[in-house]
Amino acid sequence: MYINCNISYNNNYLYYNKWLGVTIYSKYPKNQEVSKLPKEILTPFLVSLHSTRPRKIQFSHFFRAYAIFLIWASEHCYFIVYLLSHLRLNIFSDAQQASWVFQQSTKGKEQKLLCLPRSVFIATTSKRFKEHGTMYIGIFLPSRNMHAWVIEDNLQTDEWDNCWILYQPLIMMRG
């Protein structure tokens, strides 16, 4: 379920169009459930980083292909990414393992540019995400640069992603 977090900026409201993957300005707040931001976003210093990388795990070629397909879809057809974000494959025990598998599947690619496909991969393959995780898509104002990240069990799932605290969440996806 996607939940919009209306942001007021320059006498306008910003909201995220989940069908197109773009930010839209409006004079009025979107008529949708607006949630209070979770404590890990309001006070990001409370979020922990995983201290150790997961041990190497075996994963099939299907997940490598799924990761590559998510990257392609995020570059060419955001609607496919939106549809895939609703899948629940529940393969890996937690988001840290899913993040590790994504990074192993996409070696050689610039990981900073892969935040959205990585977050969708984590959200769809982690067993704990449905009950304990949230995926965020945020904006860095005033530049309108966007970033996606996942927090599960009050832990940032990717220890190398430290720029998420600079972004104001536009939308949250929960289980």
N, C-alpha and C. Protein backbone atom coordinates (compact mmCIF):
# COMPACT_ATOMS: atom_id res chain seq x y z
N MET A 1 0.84 -1.17 0.00
CA MET A 1 0.00 0.00 0.00
C MET A 1 0.89 1.24 0.00
N TYR A 2 0.63 2.14 -0.92
CA TYR A 2 1.37 3.39 -1.00
C TYR A 2 0.62 4.47 -0.23
N ILE A 3 1.36 5.26 0.53
CA ILE A 3 0.79 6.34 1.33
C ILE A 3 1.52 7.63 0.96
N ASN A 4 0.79 8.63 0.46
CA ASN A 4 1.39 9.91 0.10
C ASN A 4 1.70 10.73 1.33
N CYS A 5 2.82 11.41 1.31
CA CYS A 5 3.20 12.34 2.38
C CYS A 5 3.24 13.73 1.75
N ASN A 6 2.12 14.42 1.76
CA ASN A 6 2.07 15.74 1.12
C ASN A 6 3.10 16.67 1.73
N ILE A 7 3.87 17.32 0.86
CA ILE A 7 4.91 18.25 1.29
C ILE A 7 4.52 19.63 0.80
N SER A 8 4.56 20.60 1.69
CA SER A 8 4.30 21.98 1.31
C SER A 8 5.64 22.64 0.97
N TYR A 9 5.70 23.23 -0.24
CA TYR A 9 6.93 23.86 -0.69
C TYR A 9 6.59 25.01 -1.63
N ASN A 10 7.08 26.21 -1.34
CA ASN A 10 6.83 27.40 -2.16
C ASN A 10 5.34 27.62 -2.43
N ASN A 11 4.54 27.56 -1.40
CA ASN A 11 3.09 27.76 -1.49
C ASN A 11 2.38 26.75 -2.38
N ASN A 12 3.00 25.63 -2.61
CA ASN A 12 2.40 24.53 -3.37
C ASN A 12 2.54 23.25 -2.56
N TYR A 13 1.82 22.23 -2.97
CA TYR A 13 1.97 20.91 -2.39
C TYR A 13 2.63 20.01 -3.42
N LEU A 14 3.56 19.24 -2.96
CA LEU A 14 4.21 18.26 -3.81
C LEU A 14 3.66 16.91 -3.47
N TYR A 15 3.39 16.12 -4.45
CA TYR A 15 3.06 14.73 -4.19
C TYR A 15 3.60 13.87 -5.31
N TYR A 16 3.73 12.59 -5.03
CA TYR A 16 4.35 11.64 -5.93
C TYR A 16 3.27 10.90 -6.69
N ASN A 17 3.35 10.93 -8.01
CA ASN A 17 2.42 10.17 -8.84
C ASN A 17 2.97 8.76 -8.98
N LYS A 18 2.34 7.81 -8.29
CA LYS A 18 2.84 6.44 -8.26
C LYS A 18 2.70 5.72 -9.60
N TRP A 19 1.86 6.21 -10.49
CA TRP A 19 1.68 5.57 -11.79
C TRP A 19 2.77 5.97 -12.77
N LEU A 20 3.24 7.22 -12.66
CA LEU A 20 4.24 7.72 -13.60
C LEU A 20 5.63 7.86 -12.99
N GLY A 21 5.70 7.86 -11.66
CA GLY A 21 6.99 8.01 -10.99
C GLY A 21 7.54 9.42 -11.05
N VAL A 22 6.67 10.41 -11.01
CA VAL A 22 7.10 11.80 -11.08
C VAL A 22 6.50 12.60 -9.92
N THR A 23 7.12 13.74 -9.65
CA THR A 23 6.61 14.65 -8.64
C THR A 23 5.69 15.66 -9.31
N ILE A 24 4.56 15.92 -8.67
CA ILE A 24 3.57 16.84 -9.22
C ILE A 24 3.32 17.96 -8.22
N TYR A 25 3.26 19.18 -8.73
CA TYR A 25 2.92 20.34 -7.92
C TYR A 25 1.41 20.56 -7.97
N SER A 26 0.85 20.98 -6.86
CA SER A 26 -0.58 21.28 -6.80
C SER A 26 -0.79 22.42 -5.80
N LYS A 27 -1.84 23.19 -6.03
CA LYS A 27 -2.19 24.25 -5.08
C LYS A 27 -2.89 23.70 -3.85
N TYR A 28 -3.38 22.48 -3.96
CA TYR A 28 -4.14 21.87 -2.87
C TYR A 28 -3.54 20.52 -2.51
N PRO A 29 -3.63 20.14 -1.25
CA PRO A 29 -3.12 18.82 -0.88
C PRO A 29 -3.94 17.73 -1.55
N LYS A 30 -3.28 16.65 -1.88
CA LYS A 30 -3.96 15.53 -2.53
C LYS A 30 -4.94 14.89 -1.54
N ASN A 31 -6.11 14.59 -2.02
CA ASN A 31 -7.11 13.95 -1.16
C ASN A 31 -6.79 12.47 -1.06
N GLN A 32 -5.90 12.16 -0.17
CA GLN A 32 -5.50 10.78 0.06
C GLN A 32 -5.06 10.71 1.51
N GLU A 33 -5.05 9.50 2.04
CA GLU A 33 -4.63 9.33 3.42
C GLU A 33 -3.22 9.87 3.59
N VAL A 34 -3.06 10.84 4.47
CA VAL A 34 -1.76 11.40 4.78
C VAL A 34 -1.37 10.87 6.14
N SER A 35 -0.25 10.21 6.18
CA SER A 35 0.15 9.59 7.44
C SER A 35 1.16 10.45 8.17
N LYS A 36 1.26 10.21 9.44
CA LYS A 36 2.34 10.81 10.20
C LYS A 36 3.59 10.03 9.87
N LEU A 37 4.69 10.73 9.69
CA LEU A 37 5.92 10.05 9.35
C LEU A 37 6.40 9.21 10.51
N PRO A 38 6.93 8.03 10.22
CA PRO A 38 7.44 7.18 11.29
C PRO A 38 8.62 7.82 12.00
N LYS A 39 8.89 7.38 13.21
CA LYS A 39 9.93 7.99 14.03
C LYS A 39 11.31 7.87 13.39
N GLU A 40 11.55 6.84 12.57
CA GLU A 40 12.88 6.70 11.97
C GLU A 40 13.15 7.78 10.93
N ILE A 41 12.11 8.40 10.39
CA ILE A 41 12.30 9.48 9.43
C ILE A 41 12.40 10.82 10.16
N LEU A 42 11.59 10.98 11.20
CA LEU A 42 11.63 12.23 11.95
C LEU A 42 12.94 12.37 12.74
N THR A 43 13.48 11.26 13.19
CA THR A 43 14.75 11.27 13.93
C THR A 43 15.67 10.20 13.34
N PRO A 44 16.29 10.50 12.18
CA PRO A 44 17.06 9.47 11.48
C PRO A 44 18.28 8.97 12.25
N PHE A 45 18.74 9.71 13.25
CA PHE A 45 19.89 9.23 14.01
C PHE A 45 19.54 8.01 14.85
N LEU A 46 18.25 7.69 14.98
CA LEU A 46 17.85 6.49 15.71
C LEU A 46 17.95 5.22 14.86
N VAL A 47 18.08 5.40 13.56
CA VAL A 47 18.18 4.25 12.65
C VAL A 47 19.59 3.70 12.71
N SER A 48 19.68 2.40 12.84
CA SER A 48 20.98 1.73 12.90
C SER A 48 21.38 1.23 11.52
N LEU A 49 22.67 1.08 11.34
CA LEU A 49 23.19 0.43 10.14
C LEU A 49 23.57 -0.99 10.51
N HIS A 50 23.41 -1.88 9.56
CA HIS A 50 23.89 -3.24 9.80
C HIS A 50 25.41 -3.17 9.96
N SER A 51 25.93 -3.79 10.97
CA SER A 51 27.35 -3.68 11.23
C SER A 51 28.18 -4.67 10.42
N THR A 52 27.59 -5.76 10.01
CA THR A 52 28.35 -6.74 9.24
C THR A 52 27.58 -7.12 7.99
N ARG A 53 28.34 -7.44 6.97
CA ARG A 53 27.72 -7.92 5.73
C ARG A 53 27.23 -9.34 5.96
N PRO A 54 26.15 -9.74 5.33
CA PRO A 54 25.67 -11.11 5.51
C PRO A 54 26.67 -12.10 4.92
N ARG A 55 26.66 -13.28 5.48
CA ARG A 55 27.53 -14.30 4.91
C ARG A 55 27.04 -14.60 3.50
N LYS A 56 27.93 -15.13 2.70
CA LYS A 56 27.55 -15.42 1.32
C LYS A 56 26.44 -16.45 1.30
N ILE A 57 25.44 -16.18 0.52
CA ILE A 57 24.33 -17.10 0.38
C ILE A 57 24.18 -17.48 -1.08
N GLN A 58 23.63 -18.62 -1.31
CA GLN A 58 23.39 -19.09 -2.67
C GLN A 58 22.07 -18.50 -3.17
N PHE A 59 22.07 -18.05 -4.39
CA PHE A 59 20.83 -17.57 -5.00
C PHE A 59 20.84 -17.97 -6.46
N SER A 60 19.65 -18.15 -6.98
CA SER A 60 19.52 -18.66 -8.35
C SER A 60 19.71 -17.55 -9.38
N HIS A 61 19.86 -17.96 -10.62
CA HIS A 61 20.00 -17.01 -11.71
C HIS A 61 18.72 -16.19 -11.92
N PHE A 62 17.61 -16.73 -11.43
CA PHE A 62 16.35 -15.99 -11.54
C PHE A 62 16.45 -14.63 -10.87
N PHE A 63 17.08 -14.57 -9.69
CA PHE A 63 17.17 -13.30 -8.97
C PHE A 63 18.14 -12.34 -9.63
N ARG A 64 19.17 -12.86 -10.26
CA ARG A 64 20.07 -12.00 -11.03
C ARG A 64 19.28 -11.39 -12.20
N ALA A 65 18.50 -12.22 -12.89
CA ALA A 65 17.70 -11.74 -14.01
C ALA A 65 16.62 -10.75 -13.52
N TYR A 66 16.03 -11.03 -12.37
CA TYR A 66 15.01 -10.14 -11.81
C TYR A 66 15.61 -8.77 -11.48
N ALA A 67 16.81 -8.76 -10.91
CA ALA A 67 17.49 -7.49 -10.60
C ALA A 67 17.79 -6.71 -11.87
N ILE A 68 18.30 -7.39 -12.89
CA ILE A 68 18.60 -6.72 -14.17
C ILE A 68 17.32 -6.21 -14.82
N PHE A 69 16.24 -6.98 -14.75
CA PHE A 69 14.97 -6.54 -15.31
C PHE A 69 14.43 -5.31 -14.59
N LEU A 70 14.56 -5.26 -13.25
CA LEU A 70 14.12 -4.08 -12.50
C LEU A 70 14.90 -2.83 -12.93
N ILE A 71 16.19 -3.00 -13.18
CA ILE A 71 16.99 -1.86 -13.64
C ILE A 71 16.50 -1.39 -15.00
N TRP A 72 16.26 -2.33 -15.91
CA TRP A 72 15.75 -1.97 -17.23
C TRP A 72 14.40 -1.26 -17.11
N ALA A 73 13.50 -1.82 -16.30
CA ALA A 73 12.15 -1.25 -16.16
C ALA A 73 12.21 0.15 -15.55
N SER A 74 13.10 0.37 -14.60
CA SER A 74 13.18 1.70 -13.98
C SER A 74 13.69 2.75 -14.96
N GLU A 75 14.43 2.33 -15.96
CA GLU A 75 14.93 3.26 -16.97
C GLU A 75 13.95 3.48 -18.13
N HIS A 76 13.09 2.48 -18.39
CA HIS A 76 12.26 2.54 -19.59
C HIS A 76 10.75 2.59 -19.34
N CYS A 77 10.27 2.00 -18.27
CA CYS A 77 8.82 1.94 -18.05
C CYS A 77 8.53 1.84 -16.56
N TYR A 78 8.36 3.01 -15.92
CA TYR A 78 8.17 3.03 -14.48
C TYR A 78 6.93 2.24 -14.06
N PHE A 79 5.91 2.19 -14.88
CA PHE A 79 4.68 1.48 -14.53
C PHE A 79 4.95 0.02 -14.20
N ILE A 80 5.89 -0.61 -14.91
CA ILE A 80 6.26 -2.00 -14.62
C ILE A 80 6.86 -2.10 -13.22
N VAL A 81 7.70 -1.14 -12.86
CA VAL A 81 8.30 -1.12 -11.51
C VAL A 81 7.20 -1.00 -10.46
N TYR A 82 6.24 -0.13 -10.73
CA TYR A 82 5.12 0.03 -9.80
C TYR A 82 4.36 -1.29 -9.62
N LEU A 83 4.08 -1.97 -10.71
CA LEU A 83 3.37 -3.25 -10.62
C LEU A 83 4.21 -4.30 -9.88
N LEU A 84 5.48 -4.38 -10.18
CA LEU A 84 6.35 -5.36 -9.53
C LEU A 84 6.52 -5.08 -8.04
N SER A 85 6.39 -3.82 -7.64
CA SER A 85 6.56 -3.49 -6.21
C SER A 85 5.48 -4.12 -5.34
N HIS A 86 4.42 -4.60 -5.95
CA HIS A 86 3.35 -5.26 -5.19
C HIS A 86 3.55 -6.77 -5.05
N LEU A 87 4.56 -7.31 -5.73
CA LEU A 87 4.87 -8.74 -5.59
C LEU A 87 5.41 -9.03 -4.20
N ARG A 88 5.22 -10.22 -3.73
CA ARG A 88 5.84 -10.68 -2.49
C ARG A 88 6.41 -12.06 -2.76
N LEU A 89 7.69 -12.10 -3.11
CA LEU A 89 8.36 -13.37 -3.40
C LEU A 89 8.84 -14.04 -2.12
N ASN A 90 9.14 -13.25 -1.09
CA ASN A 90 9.51 -13.75 0.24
C ASN A 90 10.55 -14.87 0.18
N ILE A 91 11.70 -14.57 -0.35
CA ILE A 91 12.76 -15.56 -0.51
C ILE A 91 13.85 -15.40 0.55
N PHE A 92 14.32 -14.19 0.75
CA PHE A 92 15.45 -13.95 1.64
C PHE A 92 14.95 -13.63 3.04
N SER A 93 15.71 -14.01 4.03
CA SER A 93 15.24 -13.89 5.42
C SER A 93 15.01 -12.45 5.85
N ASP A 94 15.80 -11.52 5.34
CA ASP A 94 15.61 -10.12 5.71
C ASP A 94 16.10 -9.21 4.59
N ALA A 95 15.94 -7.92 4.79
CA ALA A 95 16.30 -6.94 3.77
C ALA A 95 17.81 -6.86 3.55
N GLN A 96 18.59 -7.13 4.58
CA GLN A 96 20.04 -7.10 4.42
C GLN A 96 20.50 -8.16 3.43
N GLN A 97 19.95 -9.37 3.54
CA GLN A 97 20.31 -10.42 2.58
C GLN A 97 19.85 -10.04 1.17
N ALA A 98 18.65 -9.52 1.05
CA ALA A 98 18.14 -9.13 -0.26
C ALA A 98 19.01 -8.03 -0.87
N SER A 99 19.44 -7.07 -0.07
CA SER A 99 20.32 -6.01 -0.55
C SER A 99 21.65 -6.58 -1.03
N TRP A 100 22.20 -7.54 -0.28
CA TRP A 100 23.46 -8.16 -0.66
C TRP A 100 23.32 -8.89 -1.99
N VAL A 101 22.23 -9.63 -2.17
CA VAL A 101 22.00 -10.36 -3.42
C VAL A 101 21.88 -9.39 -4.59
N PHE A 102 21.16 -8.28 -4.39
CA PHE A 102 21.03 -7.29 -5.46
C PHE A 102 22.40 -6.74 -5.85
N GLN A 103 23.20 -6.40 -4.85
CA GLN A 103 24.52 -5.84 -5.15
C GLN A 103 25.41 -6.86 -5.85
N GLN A 104 25.32 -8.14 -5.45
CA GLN A 104 26.11 -9.18 -6.12
C GLN A 104 25.63 -9.41 -7.55
N SER A 105 24.33 -9.24 -7.75
CA SER A 105 23.75 -9.45 -9.09
C SER A 105 24.06 -8.31 -10.04
N THR A 106 24.40 -7.16 -9.51
CA THR A 106 24.61 -5.97 -10.34
C THR A 106 26.02 -5.42 -10.18
N LYS A 107 26.98 -6.29 -9.92
CA LYS A 107 28.38 -5.85 -9.79
C LYS A 107 28.80 -5.11 -11.04
N GLY A 108 29.58 -4.05 -10.83
CA GLY A 108 30.08 -3.27 -11.95
C GLY A 108 29.18 -2.12 -12.33
N LYS A 109 28.00 -2.07 -11.77
CA LYS A 109 27.09 -0.95 -12.05
C LYS A 109 27.17 0.05 -10.89
N GLU A 110 26.95 1.31 -11.18
CA GLU A 110 26.99 2.36 -10.16
C GLU A 110 25.80 2.21 -9.22
N GLN A 111 26.04 1.76 -8.01
CA GLN A 111 24.96 1.47 -7.06
C GLN A 111 24.16 2.70 -6.66
N LYS A 112 24.76 3.89 -6.68
CA LYS A 112 24.02 5.11 -6.31
C LYS A 112 22.88 5.38 -7.29
N LEU A 113 23.04 4.95 -8.53
CA LEU A 113 22.00 5.18 -9.54
C LEU A 113 20.91 4.12 -9.52
N LEU A 114 21.10 3.09 -8.72
CA LEU A 114 20.18 1.96 -8.71
C LEU A 114 19.30 1.93 -7.48
N CYS A 115 19.05 3.06 -6.86
CA CYS A 115 18.32 3.07 -5.59
C CYS A 115 16.89 2.54 -5.74
N LEU A 116 16.18 2.92 -6.79
CA LEU A 116 14.80 2.47 -6.96
C LEU A 116 14.72 0.97 -7.26
N PRO A 117 15.46 0.45 -8.25
CA PRO A 117 15.37 -0.99 -8.46
C PRO A 117 15.85 -1.80 -7.25
N ARG A 118 16.88 -1.31 -6.55
CA ARG A 118 17.35 -2.01 -5.35
C ARG A 118 16.27 -2.03 -4.28
N SER A 119 15.61 -0.91 -4.06
CA SER A 119 14.57 -0.84 -3.03
C SER A 119 13.39 -1.74 -3.37
N VAL A 120 12.99 -1.77 -4.63
CA VAL A 120 11.88 -2.65 -5.04
C VAL A 120 12.31 -4.11 -4.91
N PHE A 121 13.54 -4.43 -5.28
CA PHE A 121 14.05 -5.79 -5.14
C PHE A 121 13.99 -6.22 -3.67
N ILE A 122 14.45 -5.36 -2.79
CA ILE A 122 14.44 -5.66 -1.35
C ILE A 122 13.01 -5.85 -0.86
N ALA A 123 12.13 -4.93 -1.22
CA ALA A 123 10.75 -4.97 -0.75
C ALA A 123 10.01 -6.22 -1.23
N THR A 124 10.35 -6.70 -2.40
CA THR A 124 9.63 -7.85 -2.94
C THR A 124 10.23 -9.19 -2.55
N THR A 125 11.48 -9.22 -2.12
CA THR A 125 12.11 -10.51 -1.83
C THR A 125 12.38 -10.76 -0.35
N SER A 126 12.28 -9.74 0.50
CA SER A 126 12.53 -9.93 1.93
C SER A 126 11.29 -10.50 2.62
N LYS A 127 11.49 -11.54 3.43
CA LYS A 127 10.37 -12.13 4.16
C LYS A 127 9.83 -11.20 5.25
N ARG A 128 10.69 -10.39 5.83
CA ARG A 128 10.30 -9.53 6.95
C ARG A 128 9.68 -8.20 6.50
N PHE A 129 9.78 -7.86 5.23
CA PHE A 129 9.34 -6.55 4.77
C PHE A 129 7.86 -6.31 5.03
N LYS A 130 7.02 -7.30 4.78
CA LYS A 130 5.57 -7.10 4.90
C LYS A 130 5.18 -6.61 6.28
N GLU A 131 5.78 -7.15 7.32
CA GLU A 131 5.42 -6.79 8.69
C GLU A 131 6.31 -5.71 9.29
N HIS A 132 7.57 -5.63 8.84
CA HIS A 132 8.54 -4.80 9.54
C HIS A 132 9.28 -3.79 8.66
N GLY A 133 8.87 -3.64 7.41
CA GLY A 133 9.63 -2.77 6.52
C GLY A 133 8.81 -1.67 5.89
N THR A 134 9.52 -0.65 5.44
CA THR A 134 8.91 0.46 4.72
C THR A 134 9.87 0.91 3.63
N MET A 135 9.36 1.08 2.43
CA MET A 135 10.14 1.64 1.34
C MET A 135 9.72 3.09 1.18
N TYR A 136 10.70 3.97 1.04
CA TYR A 136 10.44 5.40 0.89
C TYR A 136 10.96 5.87 -0.46
N ILE A 137 10.26 6.81 -1.03
CA ILE A 137 10.76 7.56 -2.17
C ILE A 137 10.69 9.02 -1.73
N GLY A 138 11.85 9.67 -1.74
CA GLY A 138 11.93 11.03 -1.23
C GLY A 138 12.51 11.99 -2.24
N ILE A 139 12.42 13.27 -1.89
CA ILE A 139 12.88 14.34 -2.76
C ILE A 139 13.85 15.23 -2.00
N PHE A 140 14.87 15.71 -2.69
CA PHE A 140 15.85 16.63 -2.12
C PHE A 140 15.51 18.02 -2.64
N LEU A 141 14.87 18.80 -1.79
CA LEU A 141 14.44 20.13 -2.21
C LEU A 141 15.58 21.13 -2.03
N PRO A 142 15.69 22.10 -2.86
CA PRO A 142 14.83 22.49 -3.96
C PRO A 142 15.19 21.84 -5.29
N SER A 143 16.13 20.92 -5.33
CA SER A 143 16.63 20.40 -6.59
C SER A 143 15.68 19.43 -7.30
N ARG A 144 14.77 18.82 -6.57
CA ARG A 144 13.85 17.80 -7.08
C ARG A 144 14.55 16.50 -7.43
N ASN A 145 15.80 16.30 -6.97
CA ASN A 145 16.45 15.01 -7.10
C ASN A 145 15.70 14.03 -6.20
N MET A 146 15.58 12.79 -6.65
CA MET A 146 14.83 11.81 -5.89
C MET A 146 15.71 10.63 -5.51
N HIS A 147 15.29 9.93 -4.44
CA HIS A 147 16.04 8.79 -3.93
C HIS A 147 15.05 7.81 -3.30
N ALA A 148 15.35 6.53 -3.40
CA ALA A 148 14.51 5.49 -2.78
C ALA A 148 15.38 4.70 -1.81
N TRP A 149 14.79 4.29 -0.68
CA TRP A 149 15.50 3.50 0.31
C TRP A 149 14.52 2.67 1.11
N VAL A 150 15.04 1.67 1.81
CA VAL A 150 14.22 0.77 2.62
C VAL A 150 14.76 0.76 4.04
N ILE A 151 13.83 0.84 4.98
CA ILE A 151 14.16 0.67 6.40
C ILE A 151 13.33 -0.50 6.89
N GLU A 152 14.02 -1.48 7.47
CA GLU A 152 13.35 -2.68 7.99
C GLU A 152 13.83 -2.92 9.41
N ASP A 153 12.90 -3.13 10.31
CA ASP A 153 13.23 -3.35 11.73
C ASP A 153 14.08 -2.21 12.28
N ASN A 154 13.78 -0.98 11.87
CA ASN A 154 14.51 0.21 12.32
C ASN A 154 15.99 0.16 11.93
N LEU A 155 16.29 -0.55 10.85
CA LEU A 155 17.65 -0.65 10.34
C LEU A 155 17.67 -0.21 8.88
N GLN A 156 18.65 0.59 8.53
CA GLN A 156 18.89 0.94 7.13
C GLN A 156 19.49 -0.31 6.48
N THR A 157 18.91 -0.75 5.38
CA THR A 157 19.26 -2.04 4.81
C THR A 157 20.57 -2.04 4.03
N ASP A 158 21.00 -0.89 3.57
CA ASP A 158 22.23 -0.81 2.78
C ASP A 158 23.21 0.09 3.51
N GLU A 159 24.27 -0.50 4.04
CA GLU A 159 25.20 0.28 4.85
C GLU A 159 25.94 1.34 4.06
N TRP A 160 25.96 1.24 2.72
CA TRP A 160 26.66 2.23 1.90
C TRP A 160 25.75 3.39 1.51
N ASP A 161 24.47 3.27 1.78
CA ASP A 161 23.52 4.34 1.44
C ASP A 161 23.36 5.25 2.65
N ASN A 162 24.09 6.36 2.64
CA ASN A 162 23.98 7.29 3.76
C ASN A 162 23.38 8.62 3.36
N CYS A 163 22.95 8.77 2.12
CA CYS A 163 22.39 10.05 1.69
C CYS A 163 20.89 10.15 1.93
N TRP A 164 20.24 9.07 2.33
CA TRP A 164 18.78 9.07 2.49
C TRP A 164 18.30 10.08 3.52
N ILE A 165 19.13 10.43 4.49
CA ILE A 165 18.68 11.37 5.53
C ILE A 165 18.49 12.78 4.98
N LEU A 166 18.99 13.06 3.78
CA LEU A 166 18.85 14.37 3.16
C LEU A 166 17.53 14.54 2.41
N TYR A 167 16.79 13.45 2.25
CA TYR A 167 15.60 13.46 1.40
C TYR A 167 14.33 13.49 2.23
N GLN A 168 13.38 14.30 1.80
CA GLN A 168 12.07 14.39 2.45
C GLN A 168 11.16 13.37 1.79
N PRO A 169 10.59 12.42 2.55
CA PRO A 169 9.74 11.39 1.94
C PRO A 169 8.50 11.98 1.26
N LEU A 170 8.28 11.57 0.02
CA LEU A 170 7.07 11.92 -0.72
C LEU A 170 6.02 10.82 -0.60
N ILE A 171 6.51 9.59 -0.56
CA ILE A 171 5.59 8.46 -0.54
C ILE A 171 6.25 7.31 0.24
N MET A 172 5.41 6.55 0.93
CA MET A 172 5.87 5.38 1.67
C MET A 172 5.11 4.16 1.16
N MET A 173 5.81 3.05 1.07
CA MET A 173 5.15 1.80 0.71
C MET A 173 5.34 0.82 1.87
N ARG A 174 4.24 0.33 2.35
CA ARG A 174 4.29 -0.66 3.42
C ARG A 174 3.62 -1.94 2.96
N GLY A 175 4.21 -3.07 3.38
CA GLY A 175 3.69 -4.42 3.14
C GLY A 175 2.63 -4.46 2.15
